């Protein structure tokens, strides 16, 4: 893994980068005064880029910081009952990584870079100290944690779908929605993860994922070539994702 860099970012750079990531929700929320921003400025540190396959943290390691990828995406991986790796989450540029350790103080999974990535680091001790002084920061942290819990719930709902095509459709829809919330292009993007990784996340085999993508393409909902995905009919995708048939109770 690449070695950490402890160089502190200046406030101007933080403002620029946080405008496009979830650190915006920590550093620049409405209601936080400029004097408080100076205190937050001291928390954020920059890490050198990680390469694909580098681990940010491992299961069982202590929670010492939260991270935000300024560029590049990550996957979180846990071991299933058979001792095989199971992908339990994907983190896009701008989303906070490391919330899994908030409960016990220990990470419950590995976090691995899907591609070359650069991160900002927020040491937990400093974050907790400053949060006590800035109530709005505490409120923003609760919102961030809530969104993370929403993604976990969405994942469980996807795994509960009997039809593979429903899981893949909901995956594409959810990815598009997350990109939209991050202020990024959400109707045409490059998938940072492979089909094999998508299959692991959705509890499917790679052939089934490929067939489901082909079906969505034949239905005129998406166009996909390699990892380049374009949503051709966003209204139809959204309509199907929110239809009663897709959201029917499990079983």
Protein backbone atom coordinates (compact mmCIF):
# COMPACT_ATOMS: atom_id res chain seq x y z
CA UNK A 1 0.00 0.00 0.00
CA UNK A 2 1.18 3.52 -0.68
CA UNK A 3 2.59 5.38 2.30
CA UNK A 4 0.52 8.08 3.95
CA UNK A 5 1.26 11.75 3.54
CA UNK A 6 0.54 14.07 6.44
CA UNK A 7 0.59 17.34 4.52
CA UNK A 8 -2.36 19.56 5.42
CA UNK A 9 -4.46 21.04 2.62
CA UNK A 10 -4.95 24.79 2.58
CA UNK A 11 -8.50 26.15 2.92
CA UNK A 12 -8.78 27.26 -0.72
CA UNK A 13 -7.98 23.76 -1.93
CA UNK A 14 -10.39 22.23 0.57
CA UNK A 15 -13.19 24.48 -0.67
CA UNK A 16 -12.51 23.49 -4.25
CA UNK A 17 -12.35 19.74 -3.62
CA UNK A 18 -15.19 19.55 -1.10
CA UNK A 19 -17.59 21.19 -3.52
CA UNK A 20 -17.58 17.86 -5.39
CA UNK A 21 -17.55 15.36 -2.53
CA UNK A 22 -19.19 14.43 0.73
CA UNK A 23 -16.55 16.39 2.62
CA UNK A 24 -18.67 19.36 1.54
CA UNK A 25 -21.26 18.06 4.01
CA UNK A 26 -18.66 18.23 6.78
CA UNK A 27 -16.65 21.33 5.93
CA UNK A 28 -18.99 23.64 4.07
CA UNK A 29 -22.58 23.10 5.27
CA UNK A 30 -24.99 26.00 5.57
CA UNK A 31 -24.66 27.60 8.97
CA UNK A 32 -20.95 26.99 9.58
CA UNK A 33 -19.16 30.30 9.98
CA UNK A 34 -15.79 31.17 8.46
CA UNK A 35 -14.09 30.99 11.88
CA UNK A 36 -15.31 27.41 12.26
CA UNK A 37 -14.08 26.59 8.75
CA UNK A 38 -10.58 27.52 9.86
CA UNK A 39 -10.81 24.92 12.62
CA UNK A 40 -12.07 22.30 10.19
CA UNK A 41 -9.27 23.19 7.82
CA UNK A 42 -6.75 21.87 10.32
CA UNK A 43 -8.38 18.42 10.37
CA UNK A 44 -8.16 17.46 6.72
CA UNK A 45 -5.00 15.77 5.57
CA UNK A 46 -4.03 14.51 2.16
CA UNK A 47 -2.93 10.97 1.35
CA UNK A 48 -0.84 9.96 -1.61
CA UNK A 49 -2.61 8.13 -4.38
CA UNK A 50 -3.41 4.46 -3.88
CA UNK A 51 -3.16 2.06 -6.81
CA UNK A 52 -5.76 -0.51 -7.84
CA UNK A 53 -5.74 -3.36 -5.32
CA UNK A 54 -4.20 -1.31 -2.47
CA UNK A 55 -6.01 -1.65 0.86
CA UNK A 56 -7.04 1.47 2.72
CA UNK A 57 -7.80 -0.51 5.88
CA UNK A 58 -8.40 -4.15 6.81
CA UNK A 59 -11.03 -5.95 8.86
CA UNK A 60 -10.24 -5.75 12.57
CA UNK A 61 -8.00 -2.70 12.27
CA UNK A 62 -8.84 0.22 14.59
CA UNK A 63 -10.87 3.14 13.30
CA UNK A 64 -8.47 6.06 13.34
CA UNK A 65 -9.89 8.23 10.56
CA UNK A 66 -12.64 8.70 8.02
CA UNK A 67 -11.69 9.03 4.37
CA UNK A 68 -13.11 10.68 1.27
CA UNK A 69 -11.85 9.75 -2.17
CA UNK A 70 -11.11 12.94 -4.09
CA UNK A 71 -10.68 10.72 -7.15
CA UNK A 72 -11.07 7.01 -7.76
CA UNK A 73 -13.52 4.48 -6.34
CA UNK A 74 -13.33 1.77 -3.66
CA UNK A 75 -15.01 -1.49 -2.77
CA UNK A 76 -15.56 -2.87 0.71
CA UNK A 77 -15.08 -6.61 1.13
CA UNK A 78 -15.98 -9.10 3.86
CA UNK A 79 -15.58 -12.86 4.17
CA UNK A 80 -18.70 -15.01 3.88
CA UNK A 81 -19.37 -18.26 5.78
CA UNK A 82 -17.45 -20.29 3.18
CA UNK A 83 -14.36 -18.11 3.55
CA UNK A 84 -14.87 -16.44 0.18
CA UNK A 85 -14.70 -12.69 -0.37
CA UNK A 86 -18.06 -10.95 -0.65
CA UNK A 87 -18.29 -7.37 -1.88
CA UNK A 88 -20.64 -5.50 0.43
CA UNK A 89 -20.29 -1.97 -0.89
CA UNK A 90 -18.92 0.41 -3.50
CA UNK A 91 -17.74 3.93 -2.68
CA UNK A 92 -17.66 6.57 -5.41
CA UNK A 93 -15.46 9.68 -5.51
CA UNK A 94 -16.89 12.04 -2.92
CA UNK A 95 -18.40 9.42 -0.59
CA UNK A 96 -17.13 8.85 2.93
CA UNK A 97 -15.29 5.59 3.65
CA UNK A 98 -14.78 4.06 7.09
CA UNK A 99 -18.19 4.47 8.71
CA UNK A 100 -18.34 0.69 9.29
CA UNK A 101 -16.04 1.10 12.29
CA UNK A 102 -18.08 3.70 14.17
CA UNK A 103 -19.92 1.16 16.33
CA UNK A 104 -17.12 -0.95 17.76
CA UNK A 105 -14.12 1.20 16.89
CA UNK A 106 -12.85 -1.61 14.65
CA UNK A 107 -13.35 -1.98 10.91
CA UNK A 108 -15.72 -4.81 9.92
CA UNK A 109 -14.43 -5.12 6.36
CA UNK A 110 -11.52 -4.39 4.04
CA UNK A 111 -11.55 -1.31 1.81
CA UNK A 112 -9.74 -1.76 -1.50
CA UNK A 113 -9.08 0.69 -4.32
CA UNK A 114 -10.79 -0.21 -7.60
CA UNK A 115 -8.50 2.17 -9.48
CA UNK A 116 -5.86 4.80 -8.81
CA UNK A 117 -7.32 7.01 -6.09
CA UNK A 118 -6.43 10.06 -4.03
CA UNK A 119 -8.01 10.56 -0.62
CA UNK A 120 -8.55 13.13 2.06
CA UNK A 121 -8.18 11.89 5.64
CA UNK A 122 -10.09 13.15 8.69
CA UNK A 123 -8.56 11.86 11.96
CA UNK A 124 -11.31 10.69 14.30
CA UNK A 125 -9.90 12.19 17.50
CA UNK A 126 -9.71 15.63 15.94
CA UNK A 127 -13.12 15.28 14.29
CA UNK A 128 -14.77 14.36 17.59
CA UNK A 129 -13.10 17.28 19.37
CA UNK A 130 -14.16 19.86 16.79
CA UNK A 131 -17.66 18.38 16.46
CA UNK A 132 -18.23 19.10 20.17
CA UNK A 133 -17.58 22.76 19.41
CA UNK A 134 -19.67 22.99 16.23
CA UNK A 135 -23.22 21.61 16.63
CA UNK A 136 -23.96 21.92 12.90
CA UNK A 137 -21.07 19.56 12.18
CA UNK A 138 -22.72 16.96 14.42
CA UNK A 139 -25.98 17.33 12.48
CA UNK A 140 -24.18 16.90 9.17
CA UNK A 141 -22.41 13.79 10.44
CA UNK A 142 -25.79 12.26 11.34
CA UNK A 143 -27.02 12.98 7.80
CA UNK A 144 -23.94 11.31 6.32
CA UNK A 145 -24.39 8.25 8.53
CA UNK A 146 -28.07 8.14 7.61
CA UNK A 147 -27.27 8.10 3.89
CA UNK A 148 -24.79 5.28 4.46
CA UNK A 149 -27.48 3.29 6.26
CA UNK A 150 -29.86 3.95 3.35
CA UNK A 151 -27.34 2.46 0.91
CA UNK A 152 -26.95 -0.61 3.12
CA UNK A 153 -30.74 -1.04 3.19
CA UNK A 154 -30.93 -0.64 -0.59
CA UNK A 155 -28.31 -3.37 -0.96
CA UNK A 156 -30.30 -5.76 1.23
CA UNK A 157 -33.42 -5.05 -0.81
CA UNK A 158 -31.53 -5.77 -4.04
CA UNK A 159 -30.34 -9.11 -2.69
CA UNK A 160 -33.94 -9.96 -1.83
CA UNK A 161 -35.12 -9.74 -5.44
CA UNK A 162 -35.89 -13.12 -6.99
CA UNK A 163 -35.11 -12.00 -10.55
CA UNK A 164 -31.53 -11.18 -11.47
CA UNK A 165 -32.66 -8.55 -13.97
CA UNK A 166 -34.37 -6.64 -11.14
CA UNK A 167 -31.16 -6.63 -9.08
CA UNK A 168 -29.10 -5.31 -11.98
CA UNK A 169 -31.69 -2.67 -12.89
CA UNK A 170 -31.84 -1.45 -9.29
CA UNK A 171 -28.03 -1.42 -9.17
CA UNK A 172 -27.83 0.80 -12.28
CA UNK A 173 -30.59 3.06 -10.96
CA UNK A 174 -28.95 3.38 -7.54
CA UNK A 175 -25.56 4.15 -9.06
CA UNK A 176 -27.09 6.85 -11.25
CA UNK A 177 -28.90 8.39 -8.27
CA UNK A 178 -25.71 8.49 -6.19
CA UNK A 179 -23.83 10.22 -9.00
CA UNK A 180 -26.65 12.74 -9.33
CA UNK A 181 -26.53 13.51 -5.59
CA UNK A 182 -22.78 14.03 -5.85
CA UNK A 183 -23.29 16.54 -8.65
CA UNK A 184 -21.71 14.32 -11.29
CA UNK A 185 -22.91 13.14 -14.68
CA UNK A 186 -25.47 10.45 -13.95
CA UNK A 187 -26.79 9.42 -17.36
CA UNK A 188 -23.45 8.47 -18.93
CA UNK A 189 -20.49 7.21 -16.90
CA UNK A 190 -17.71 4.65 -16.66
CA UNK A 191 -18.32 1.75 -14.32
CA UNK A 192 -15.33 1.60 -11.93
CA UNK A 193 -16.11 -2.00 -11.05
CA UNK A 194 -15.92 -5.13 -13.22
CA UNK A 195 -18.88 -7.38 -14.03
CA UNK A 196 -17.37 -9.97 -11.70
CA UNK A 197 -17.37 -7.42 -8.87
CA UNK A 198 -20.96 -6.41 -9.65
CA UNK A 199 -21.90 -10.12 -9.56
CA UNK A 200 -20.30 -10.53 -6.12
CA UNK A 201 -22.14 -7.45 -4.83
CA UNK A 202 -25.51 -8.65 -6.17
CA UNK A 203 -25.10 -12.32 -5.22
CA UNK A 204 -25.09 -13.45 -8.87
CA UNK A 205 -22.69 -15.07 -11.32
CA UNK A 206 -20.93 -13.01 -13.96
CA UNK A 207 -22.83 -14.64 -16.85
CA UNK A 208 -26.16 -13.62 -15.30
CA UNK A 209 -24.99 -10.03 -14.88
CA UNK A 210 -23.91 -9.90 -18.53
CA UNK A 211 -27.27 -11.32 -19.69
CA UNK A 212 -29.13 -8.77 -17.55
CA UNK A 213 -27.16 -5.90 -19.05
CA UNK A 214 -27.96 -7.25 -22.52
CA UNK A 215 -31.66 -7.40 -21.66
CA UNK A 216 -31.67 -3.80 -20.42
CA UNK A 217 -29.94 -2.80 -23.63
CA UNK A 218 -32.45 -4.68 -25.79
CA UNK A 219 -35.27 -2.94 -23.89
CA UNK A 220 -33.79 0.42 -24.87
CA UNK A 221 -33.08 1.45 -21.28
CA UNK A 222 -29.27 1.51 -21.42
CA UNK A 223 -26.40 1.23 -23.85
CA UNK A 224 -23.26 -0.47 -22.58
CA UNK A 225 -19.88 -1.14 -24.21
CA UNK A 226 -17.26 -2.54 -21.89
CA UNK A 227 -17.52 -0.36 -18.81
CA UNK A 228 -19.01 2.64 -20.64
CA UNK A 229 -22.67 2.86 -19.63
CA UNK A 230 -25.21 5.32 -20.99
CA UNK A 231 -28.80 5.56 -19.77
CA UNK A 232 -30.99 6.00 -22.83
CA UNK A 233 -34.36 6.17 -21.08
CA UNK A 234 -33.93 7.65 -17.61
CA UNK A 235 -37.68 8.03 -17.13
CA UNK A 236 -38.32 4.36 -17.86
CA UNK A 237 -35.45 3.27 -15.60
CA UNK A 238 -36.81 5.41 -12.77
CA UNK A 239 -40.36 4.23 -13.40
CA UNK A 240 -39.44 0.54 -13.27
CA UNK A 241 -37.19 1.01 -10.22
CA UNK A 242 -40.11 2.54 -8.30
CA UNK A 243 -42.83 0.25 -9.61
CA UNK A 244 -44.78 -1.95 -7.14
CA UNK A 245 -43.60 -5.09 -8.95
CA UNK A 246 -39.95 -4.30 -8.27
CA UNK A 247 -40.62 -3.24 -4.69
CA UNK A 248 -42.83 -6.19 -3.86
CA UNK A 249 -42.01 -7.81 -0.52
CA UNK A 250 -39.50 -10.65 -0.54
CA UNK A 251 -40.62 -14.14 -1.46
